[in-house]
Amino acid sequence: MGSVNYVYILVIVAIIIAGIYAFKSYRKRLTTGCCGGGDSQNVGRIRVSDRNPAHYPYMAVLTIYGMVCSNCAVRIENALNTIDSVWAQVDLPQKQAIVRMKYEVNDDDLRSAVNSLGSYTVMNIERKKNVSK
């Protein structure tokens, strides 16, 4: 009988420790964002100088798995915007990146730019015609 009470105490202690860990993790996410980098203002945004959609004849829509906050969106935009002649904008609710290109960039390069960040996976790339001309 005494050993049964000891097991219950150990289970309760384990639950308390797990609860403390979960609370600390939740509190950290509230203050630093889901991916630990703070709000999107702390992540430097790479700005594209040419923001005229008519200058970008090629377009692709990337569906991205793993994007959950504005910090994620900025990181993905930055990774894509480092590719020469690319202007990317992320639509977080749709889990997509709209990528405008002055020159056609192959799917492997687009996929590699996002997947190399580690936390995200490009699930689909759909080529579209740029109608902004």
C-alpha atoms as a PDB file:
ATOM      1  CA  MET A   1       0.000   0.000   0.000  1.00  0.00           C
ATOM      2  CA  GLY A   2       2.807   2.413   0.845  1.00  0.00           C
ATOM      3  CA  SER A   3       4.460   1.900  -2.539  1.00  0.00           C
ATOM      4  CA  VAL A   4       1.180   2.724  -4.343  1.00  0.00           C
ATOM      5  CA  ASN A   5       1.055   6.122  -2.629  1.00  0.00           C
ATOM      6  CA  TYR A   6       4.691   6.670  -3.607  1.00  0.00           C
ATOM      7  CA  VAL A   7       3.799   6.031  -7.295  1.00  0.00           C
ATOM      8  CA  TYR A   8       0.933   8.520  -7.122  1.00  0.00           C
ATOM      9  CA  ILE A   9       3.250  11.141  -5.643  1.00  0.00           C
ATOM     10  CA  LEU A  10       5.801  10.563  -8.424  1.00  0.00           C
ATOM     11  CA  VAL A  11       3.091  10.914 -11.083  1.00  0.00           C
ATOM     12  CA  ILE A  12       1.825  14.148  -9.534  1.00  0.00           C
ATOM     13  CA  VAL A  13       5.373  15.557  -9.337  1.00  0.00           C
ATOM     14  CA  ALA A  14       5.965  14.640 -13.003  1.00  0.00           C
ATOM     15  CA  ILE A  15       2.719  16.370 -14.007  1.00  0.00           C
ATOM     16  CA  ILE A  16       3.690  19.487 -12.058  1.00  0.00           C
ATOM     17  CA  ILE A  17       7.146  19.584 -13.686  1.00  0.00           C
ATOM     18  CA  ALA A  18       5.597  19.154 -17.142  1.00  0.00           C
ATOM     19  CA  GLY A  19       3.110  21.936 -16.367  1.00  0.00           C
ATOM     20  CA  ILE A  20       5.883  24.301 -15.293  1.00  0.00           C
ATOM     21  CA  TYR A  21       7.839  23.548 -18.469  1.00  0.00           C
ATOM     22  CA  ALA A  22       4.746  24.095 -20.637  1.00  0.00           C
ATOM     23  CA  PHE A  23       3.978  27.400 -18.892  1.00  0.00           C
ATOM     24  CA  LYS A  24       7.552  28.661 -19.368  1.00  0.00           C
ATOM     25  CA  SER A  25       7.479  27.651 -23.038  1.00  0.00           C
ATOM     26  CA  TYR A  26       4.134  29.375 -23.564  1.00  0.00           C
ATOM     27  CA  ARG A  27       5.362  32.529 -21.833  1.00  0.00           C
ATOM     28  CA  LYS A  28       8.488  32.551 -24.007  1.00  0.00           C
ATOM     29  CA  ARG A  29       6.383  32.297 -27.171  1.00  0.00           C
ATOM     30  CA  LEU A  30       4.228  35.200 -26.034  1.00  0.00           C
ATOM     31  CA  THR A  31       7.283  37.425 -25.651  1.00  0.00           C
ATOM     32  CA  THR A  32       9.537  36.202 -28.472  1.00  0.00           C
ATOM     33  CA  GLY A  33       7.217  34.847 -31.150  1.00  0.00           C
ATOM     34  CA  CYS A  34       6.641  31.276 -32.199  1.00  0.00           C
ATOM     35  CA  CYS A  35      10.042  30.786 -33.770  1.00  0.00           C
ATOM     36  CA  GLY A  36      11.957  32.538 -31.030  1.00  0.00           C
ATOM     37  CA  GLY A  37      12.947  35.626 -32.934  1.00  0.00           C
ATOM     38  CA  GLY A  38      10.656  38.239 -31.459  1.00  0.00           C
ATOM     39  CA  ASP A  39       8.099  40.203 -33.405  1.00  0.00           C
ATOM     40  CA  SER A  40       8.699  41.024 -37.055  1.00  0.00           C
ATOM     41  CA  GLN A  41      10.175  44.402 -36.140  1.00  0.00           C
ATOM     42  CA  ASN A  42      13.198  42.621 -34.643  1.00  0.00           C
ATOM     43  CA  VAL A  43      13.869  40.729 -37.862  1.00  0.00           C
ATOM     44  CA  GLY A  44      15.389  43.068 -40.430  1.00  0.00           C
ATOM     45  CA  ARG A  45      13.257  43.110 -43.544  1.00  0.00           C
ATOM     46  CA  ILE A  46      15.008  43.074 -46.907  1.00  0.00           C
ATOM     47  CA  ARG A  47      13.325  45.702 -49.065  1.00  0.00           C
ATOM     48  CA  VAL A  48      13.201  45.348 -52.821  1.00  0.00           C
ATOM     49  CA  SER A  49      13.952  48.625 -54.563  1.00  0.00           C
ATOM     50  CA  ASP A  50      11.798  47.963 -57.660  1.00  0.00           C
ATOM     51  CA  ARG A  51       8.244  47.445 -56.439  1.00  0.00           C
ATOM     52  CA  ASN A  52       6.483  47.940 -59.751  1.00  0.00           C
ATOM     53  CA  PRO A  53       4.670  44.678 -60.548  1.00  0.00           C
ATOM     54  CA  ALA A  54       4.750  45.492 -64.279  1.00  0.00           C
ATOM     55  CA  HIS A  55       8.545  45.026 -64.238  1.00  0.00           C
ATOM     56  CA  TYR A  56       8.189  41.372 -63.236  1.00  0.00           C
ATOM     57  CA  PRO A  57       6.913  39.247 -66.146  1.00  0.00           C
ATOM     58  CA  TYR A  58       7.175  35.928 -64.281  1.00  0.00           C
ATOM     59  CA  MET A  59       5.284  34.861 -61.204  1.00  0.00           C
ATOM     60  CA  ALA A  60       5.062  31.828 -58.913  1.00  0.00           C
ATOM     61  CA  VAL A  61       2.943  31.071 -55.877  1.00  0.00           C
ATOM     62  CA  LEU A  62       4.660  28.911 -53.285  1.00  0.00           C
ATOM     63  CA  THR A  63       2.572  27.032 -50.728  1.00  0.00           C
ATOM     64  CA  ILE A  64       4.686  26.766 -47.586  1.00  0.00           C
ATOM     65  CA  TYR A  65       4.292  24.444 -44.618  1.00  0.00           C
ATOM     66  CA  GLY A  66       5.496  25.576 -41.199  1.00  0.00           C
ATOM     67  CA  MET A  67       4.719  29.305 -41.382  1.00  0.00           C
ATOM     68  CA  VAL A  68       2.825  30.313 -38.243  1.00  0.00           C
ATOM     69  CA  CYS A  69       3.647  33.936 -37.391  1.00  0.00           C
ATOM     70  CA  SER A  70       4.694  37.248 -38.908  1.00  0.00           C
ATOM     71  CA  ASN A  71       8.286  36.473 -37.958  1.00  0.00           C
ATOM     72  CA  CYS A  72       8.146  33.368 -40.150  1.00  0.00           C
ATOM     73  CA  ALA A  73       6.706  35.445 -42.996  1.00  0.00           C
ATOM     74  CA  VAL A  74       9.528  37.995 -42.806  1.00  0.00           C
ATOM     75  CA  ARG A  75      12.188  35.287 -42.770  1.00  0.00           C
ATOM     76  CA  ILE A  76      10.712  33.623 -45.849  1.00  0.00           C
ATOM     77  CA  GLU A  77      10.335  36.958 -47.683  1.00  0.00           C
ATOM     78  CA  ASN A  78      13.942  37.808 -46.862  1.00  0.00           C
ATOM     79  CA  ALA A  79      15.222  34.447 -48.114  1.00  0.00           C
ATOM     80  CA  LEU A  80      13.389  34.823 -51.414  1.00  0.00           C
ATOM     81  CA  ASN A  81      14.232  38.517 -51.818  1.00  0.00           C
ATOM     82  CA  THR A  82      17.950  37.714 -51.676  1.00  0.00           C
ATOM     83  CA  ILE A  83      17.574  35.965 -55.043  1.00  0.00           C
ATOM     84  CA  ASP A  84      18.552  38.354 -57.837  1.00  0.00           C
ATOM     85  CA  SER A  85      15.591  40.003 -59.630  1.00  0.00           C
ATOM     86  CA  VAL A  86      12.988  38.572 -57.231  1.00  0.00           C
ATOM     87  CA  TRP A  87      10.297  40.379 -55.275  1.00  0.00           C
ATOM     88  CA  ALA A  88       8.476  38.140 -52.802  1.00  0.00           C
ATOM     89  CA  GLN A  89       5.512  38.899 -50.589  1.00  0.00           C
ATOM     90  CA  VAL A  90       4.121  36.421 -48.076  1.00  0.00           C
ATOM     91  CA  ASP A  91       0.425  35.927 -47.440  1.00  0.00           C
ATOM     92  CA  LEU A  92       0.542  34.427 -43.944  1.00  0.00           C
ATOM     93  CA  PRO A  93      -3.151  33.432 -43.608  1.00  0.00           C
ATOM     94  CA  GLN A  94      -2.971  31.580 -46.952  1.00  0.00           C
ATOM     95  CA  LYS A  95       0.464  30.091 -46.100  1.00  0.00           C
ATOM     96  CA  GLN A  96       1.745  31.270 -49.473  1.00  0.00           C
ATOM     97  CA  ALA A  97       4.519  33.387 -50.923  1.00  0.00           C
ATOM     98  CA  ILE A  98       3.821  35.355 -54.089  1.00  0.00           C
ATOM     99  CA  VAL A  99       7.112  35.535 -55.970  1.00  0.00           C
ATOM    100  CA  ARG A 100       7.505  38.000 -58.826  1.00  0.00           C
ATOM    101  CA  MET A 101      10.559  37.549 -61.044  1.00  0.00           C
ATOM    102  CA  LYS A 102      12.198  39.691 -63.701  1.00  0.00           C
ATOM    103  CA  TYR A 103      13.861  36.553 -65.062  1.00  0.00           C
ATOM    104  CA  GLU A 104      12.487  33.070 -64.647  1.00  0.00           C
ATOM    105  CA  VAL A 105      14.001  31.415 -61.574  1.00  0.00           C
ATOM    106  CA  ASN A 106      13.829  27.628 -61.513  1.00  0.00           C
ATOM    107  CA  ASP A 107      11.724  25.818 -58.929  1.00  0.00           C
ATOM    108  CA  ASP A 108      14.742  24.211 -57.258  1.00  0.00           C
ATOM    109  CA  ASP A 109      16.256  27.622 -56.442  1.00  0.00           C
ATOM    110  CA  LEU A 110      12.976  28.921 -54.999  1.00  0.00           C
ATOM    111  CA  ARG A 111      12.451  25.737 -53.005  1.00  0.00           C
ATOM    112  CA  SER A 112      16.048  25.748 -51.753  1.00  0.00           C
ATOM    113  CA  ALA A 113      15.849  29.375 -50.550  1.00  0.00           C
ATOM    114  CA  VAL A 114      12.877  28.550 -48.311  1.00  0.00           C
ATOM    115  CA  ASN A 115      13.762  25.009 -47.259  1.00  0.00           C
ATOM    116  CA  SER A 116      17.295  26.062 -46.255  1.00  0.00           C
ATOM    117  CA  LEU A 117      15.797  28.079 -43.398  1.00  0.00           C
ATOM    118  CA  GLY A 118      15.138  24.775 -41.673  1.00  0.00           C
ATOM    119  CA  SER A 119      11.646  25.235 -40.262  1.00  0.00           C
ATOM    120  CA  TYR A 120       9.700  25.531 -43.501  1.00  0.00           C
ATOM    121  CA  THR A 121       8.919  23.295 -46.451  1.00  0.00           C
ATOM    122  CA  VAL A 122       7.709  24.354 -49.887  1.00  0.00           C
ATOM    123  CA  MET A 123       4.813  22.016 -50.587  1.00  0.00           C
ATOM    124  CA  ASN A 124       3.788  23.307 -54.020  1.00  0.00           C
ATOM    125  CA  ILE A 125       4.937  25.794 -56.646  1.00  0.00           C
ATOM    126  CA  GLU A 126       2.344  27.088 -59.070  1.00  0.00           C
ATOM    127  CA  ARG A 127       3.525  29.172 -62.009  1.00  0.00           C
ATOM    128  CA  LYS A 128       1.232  32.030 -62.990  1.00  0.00           C
ATOM    129  CA  LYS A 129       1.186  34.713 -65.616  1.00  0.00           C
ATOM    130  CA  ASN A 130       1.787  38.194 -64.239  1.00  0.00           C
ATOM    131  CA  VAL A 131      -1.325  40.188 -65.085  1.00  0.00           C
ATOM    132  CA  SER A 132       0.064  43.475 -63.747  1.00  0.00           C
ATOM    133  CA  LYS A 133       1.450  44.544 -67.114  1.00  0.00           C
END
